[in-house]
Amino acid sequence: MKNSNTPKYCHIARLIILLVFLVTFANQAFCQAEVEPWGNINGIRKKGQLFNFESSIVVVKGNQFISTGKERQQPHYKRSGDDQIITTNIDSLFIKEVVTDLSGGRINVTVTLNAHAAIVNDGIFFCLTLPGEGSMRFSGSSEEFKHFVDAGRNYDGLANGGKFKTSAQKITVKFANPEAIRIRKDTTHGKNELKFYVALKLNGLRKGEILQ
């Protein structure tokens, strides 16, 4: 006889802590995140000027990348005070994202994942798309990247956070704990972009698995 208390989906509660990061600009004036209804952040607006970057949640399986985006899912968006709350799903992976505007030119992003069925993939990532020029460095990483280097160099490893700067803007990303990250340069179709992947969960999810 099956236990009726057995969970029907995987609730990754610990991601609420693991994916909390701050995006800070040098000028501490009030800033507001611009969030699309499907959950992707388009940047932060300060005094009418938009500092561009883009976020997405990406499921990777081999050479296949499935990400949140316009007309790709059926998201639900609402605003509650300083929080912008988006719920959506990629197949059986259900996602809740909360973007909170803070003082001092910062935003908090919290992501919670629920697997309603077994999910086979190489990993689920939070991805920031940044300008391909400029420089970057990472804290808690290999010695090579502890000082600023040209943006676009690949990196796979752990980090406590990172800094990205161009002539126009500076972005600081911080984690509550060391996280697995990947840095890739994207030059397809004439692009010059930097992809900064933060691992939420690697190697798939099992139905009924609970991580917290």
Protein backbone atom coordinates (compact mmCIF):
# COMPACT_ATOMS: atom_id res chain seq x y z
CA MET A 1 0.00 0.00 0.00
CA LYS A 2 1.42 3.37 -1.02
CA ASN A 3 1.92 6.13 1.53
CA SER A 4 -0.58 8.89 0.76
CA ASN A 5 1.87 11.42 2.16
CA THR A 6 4.42 10.73 -0.57
CA PRO A 7 5.06 14.06 -2.37
CA LYS A 8 3.83 14.27 -5.95
CA TYR A 9 6.50 16.66 -7.11
CA CYS A 10 10.00 17.79 -6.28
CA HIS A 11 10.07 21.03 -4.32
CA ILE A 12 13.53 22.56 -4.38
CA ALA A 13 13.08 24.89 -1.45
CA ARG A 14 16.82 25.42 -0.97
CA LEU A 15 17.00 27.38 -4.24
CA ILE A 16 15.28 30.23 -2.46
CA ILE A 17 18.58 30.67 -0.62
CA LEU A 18 20.98 29.54 -3.32
CA LEU A 19 19.83 31.89 -6.03
CA VAL A 20 19.75 35.21 -4.28
CA PHE A 21 21.94 37.77 -5.98
CA LEU A 22 22.39 41.50 -6.05
CA VAL A 23 22.88 43.68 -9.10
CA THR A 24 24.50 46.94 -8.02
CA PHE A 25 25.45 50.04 -9.97
CA ALA A 26 28.12 52.47 -8.82
CA ASN A 27 25.61 55.32 -8.47
CA GLN A 28 23.35 54.45 -5.54
CA ALA A 29 20.30 56.35 -6.83
CA PHE A 30 16.95 54.55 -6.79
CA CYS A 31 16.72 51.87 -9.46
CA GLN A 32 13.89 49.67 -10.65
CA ALA A 33 14.10 46.31 -12.38
CA GLU A 34 12.33 45.98 -15.71
CA VAL A 35 10.77 42.52 -15.77
CA GLU A 36 8.87 41.01 -18.67
CA PRO A 37 5.61 39.10 -17.95
CA TRP A 38 7.42 35.82 -18.72
CA GLY A 39 10.07 36.48 -16.05
CA ASN A 40 13.09 37.68 -18.02
CA ILE A 41 14.71 40.80 -16.59
CA ASN A 42 15.60 43.36 -19.27
CA GLY A 43 17.80 45.49 -17.05
CA ILE A 44 17.56 48.13 -14.35
CA ARG A 45 16.22 51.62 -14.97
CA LYS A 46 17.89 54.49 -13.13
CA LYS A 47 16.67 58.08 -13.57
CA GLY A 48 15.01 57.09 -16.84
CA GLN A 49 18.11 55.38 -18.27
CA LEU A 50 17.98 51.62 -18.82
CA PHE A 51 21.12 49.64 -17.97
CA ASN A 52 20.73 46.70 -20.27
CA PHE A 53 21.21 43.03 -19.57
CA GLU A 54 18.82 40.10 -19.90
CA SER A 55 18.06 37.17 -17.64
CA SER A 56 16.40 33.86 -18.41
CA ILE A 57 16.01 30.40 -16.92
CA VAL A 58 17.53 27.74 -19.15
CA VAL A 59 17.14 23.96 -19.23
CA VAL A 60 20.11 22.29 -20.95
CA LYS A 61 20.01 18.80 -22.44
CA GLY A 62 22.96 17.99 -24.67
CA ASN A 63 23.04 20.63 -27.39
CA GLN A 64 19.44 21.67 -26.71
CA PHE A 65 18.80 24.86 -24.74
CA ILE A 66 15.21 25.61 -23.70
CA SER A 67 14.71 28.97 -22.04
CA THR A 68 11.98 31.22 -20.73
CA GLY A 69 10.91 33.80 -23.29
CA LYS A 70 8.11 35.63 -25.04
CA GLU A 71 5.37 33.34 -26.39
CA ARG A 72 7.29 30.22 -25.29
CA GLN A 73 5.33 29.48 -22.11
CA GLN A 74 2.08 30.56 -20.45
CA PRO A 75 3.32 32.66 -17.53
CA HIS A 76 1.36 34.51 -14.87
CA TYR A 77 2.60 37.88 -13.62
CA LYS A 78 1.60 40.00 -10.65
CA ARG A 79 3.04 42.84 -8.61
CA SER A 80 2.90 43.08 -4.82
CA GLY A 81 4.65 46.12 -3.37
CA ASP A 82 8.32 45.96 -4.34
CA ASP A 83 7.95 42.35 -5.53
CA GLN A 84 7.33 41.27 -9.13
CA ILE A 85 6.16 37.64 -9.07
CA ILE A 86 6.15 35.36 -12.10
CA THR A 87 5.01 31.74 -12.25
CA THR A 88 5.58 29.70 -15.40
CA ASN A 89 6.71 26.27 -16.52
CA ILE A 90 8.99 24.55 -19.01
CA ASP A 91 7.25 21.22 -19.61
CA SER A 92 7.08 19.52 -16.17
CA LEU A 93 9.40 22.04 -14.53
CA PHE A 94 7.33 24.67 -12.70
CA ILE A 95 9.08 27.92 -11.84
CA LYS A 96 8.34 30.74 -9.43
CA GLU A 97 10.50 33.85 -9.72
CA VAL A 98 10.33 36.83 -7.37
CA VAL A 99 12.21 40.02 -8.33
CA THR A 100 12.44 42.53 -5.48
CA ASP A 101 13.59 46.14 -5.78
CA LEU A 102 15.83 47.11 -2.85
CA SER A 103 17.39 50.36 -1.74
CA GLY A 104 20.83 51.41 -2.89
CA GLY A 105 20.38 50.44 -6.54
CA ARG A 106 20.00 46.73 -5.87
CA ILE A 107 17.57 43.96 -6.75
CA ASN A 108 17.03 40.54 -5.23
CA VAL A 109 16.04 37.62 -7.43
CA THR A 110 14.66 34.45 -5.84
CA VAL A 111 13.81 31.34 -7.86
CA THR A 112 11.94 28.23 -6.70
CA LEU A 113 11.59 25.11 -8.88
CA ASN A 114 9.02 22.31 -8.69
CA ALA A 115 9.39 19.14 -10.75
CA HIS A 116 5.94 17.66 -11.39
CA ALA A 117 7.50 14.65 -13.13
CA ALA A 118 10.95 13.15 -13.55
CA ILE A 119 13.11 15.55 -15.54
CA VAL A 120 16.15 14.32 -17.44
CA ASN A 121 18.65 17.03 -18.37
CA ASP A 122 22.22 18.16 -17.92
CA GLY A 123 21.25 21.12 -15.77
CA ILE A 124 18.89 23.97 -14.99
CA PHE A 125 20.53 27.40 -15.00
CA PHE A 126 19.82 31.04 -14.33
CA CYS A 127 21.44 32.90 -17.23
CA LEU A 128 22.49 36.53 -17.52
CA THR A 129 23.20 37.84 -21.01
CA LEU A 130 25.71 40.69 -20.83
CA PRO A 131 27.69 42.79 -23.34
CA GLY A 132 30.59 40.85 -24.84
CA GLU A 133 33.10 43.66 -24.41
CA GLY A 134 34.63 44.88 -21.16
CA SER A 135 36.18 42.86 -18.36
CA MET A 136 35.16 40.44 -15.62
CA ARG A 137 36.42 38.79 -12.45
CA PHE A 138 35.06 36.28 -9.94
CA SER A 139 35.47 35.91 -6.20
CA GLY A 140 36.08 32.46 -4.80
CA SER A 141 37.17 31.19 -8.22
CA SER A 142 40.40 29.95 -9.73
CA GLU A 143 43.41 32.25 -9.40
CA GLU A 144 43.22 33.14 -13.10
CA PHE A 145 39.87 34.92 -12.68
CA LYS A 146 40.40 36.61 -9.31
CA HIS A 147 41.58 39.73 -11.15
CA PHE A 148 39.88 41.48 -14.06
CA VAL A 149 40.38 39.75 -17.41
CA ASP A 150 38.88 40.44 -20.82
CA ALA A 151 35.24 39.37 -21.04
CA GLY A 152 34.56 36.36 -23.20
CA ARG A 153 37.01 33.85 -21.77
CA ASN A 154 35.29 30.54 -20.98
CA TYR A 155 35.13 29.45 -17.36
CA ASP A 156 33.63 26.42 -15.61
CA GLY A 157 33.92 26.23 -11.85
CA LEU A 158 32.77 27.59 -8.52
CA ALA A 159 32.44 31.23 -7.52
CA ASN A 160 30.97 33.36 -4.74
CA GLY A 161 30.01 36.06 -7.23
CA GLY A 162 31.33 38.15 -10.07
CA LYS A 163 31.87 41.67 -11.39
CA PHE A 164 31.37 42.78 -14.98
CA LYS A 165 32.27 46.23 -16.21
CA THR A 166 32.24 48.17 -19.46
CA SER A 167 32.83 51.84 -20.16
CA ALA A 168 29.11 52.47 -19.53
CA GLN A 169 28.16 50.29 -16.56
CA LYS A 170 29.28 47.97 -13.81
CA ILE A 171 27.31 44.98 -12.52
CA THR A 172 28.07 43.05 -9.35
CA VAL A 173 26.56 39.62 -8.77
CA LYS A 174 26.68 37.98 -5.32
CA PHE A 175 25.57 34.57 -4.07
CA ALA A 176 24.68 33.43 -0.55
CA ASN A 177 26.94 30.39 -1.07
CA PRO A 178 29.55 29.27 -3.66
CA GLU A 179 27.80 28.28 -6.88
CA ALA A 180 28.76 26.37 -10.02
CA ILE A 181 28.96 28.80 -12.92
CA ARG A 182 29.71 28.73 -16.64
CA ILE A 183 30.90 31.63 -18.80
CA ARG A 184 30.48 31.45 -22.57
CA LYS A 185 30.96 33.96 -25.40
CA ASP A 186 28.10 34.01 -27.92
CA THR A 187 29.05 35.25 -31.39
CA THR A 188 26.33 33.40 -33.33
CA HIS A 189 24.36 35.39 -35.92
CA GLY A 190 26.66 38.38 -35.50
CA LYS A 191 26.18 38.64 -31.72
CA ASN A 192 28.80 39.83 -29.27
CA GLU A 193 27.37 38.67 -25.95
CA LEU A 194 28.54 37.07 -22.74
CA LYS A 195 26.46 34.26 -21.23
CA PHE A 196 26.79 33.93 -17.46
CA TYR A 197 25.16 30.68 -16.31
CA VAL A 198 24.46 29.96 -12.64
CA ALA A 199 23.62 26.32 -11.92
CA LEU A 200 20.32 25.85 -10.07
CA LYS A 201 20.28 22.06 -10.34
CA LEU A 202 22.56 19.72 -12.27
CA ASN A 203 21.82 16.22 -13.62
CA GLY A 204 18.03 16.29 -13.67
CA LEU A 205 15.30 15.78 -11.10
CA ARG A 206 13.41 12.75 -9.88
CA LYS A 207 9.68 12.79 -9.30
CA GLY A 208 9.04 12.87 -5.58
CA GLU A 209 12.60 13.98 -4.77
CA ILE A 210 12.77 16.67 -2.10
CA LEU A 211 15.83 18.94 -1.81
CA GLN A 212 15.91 21.47 1.00
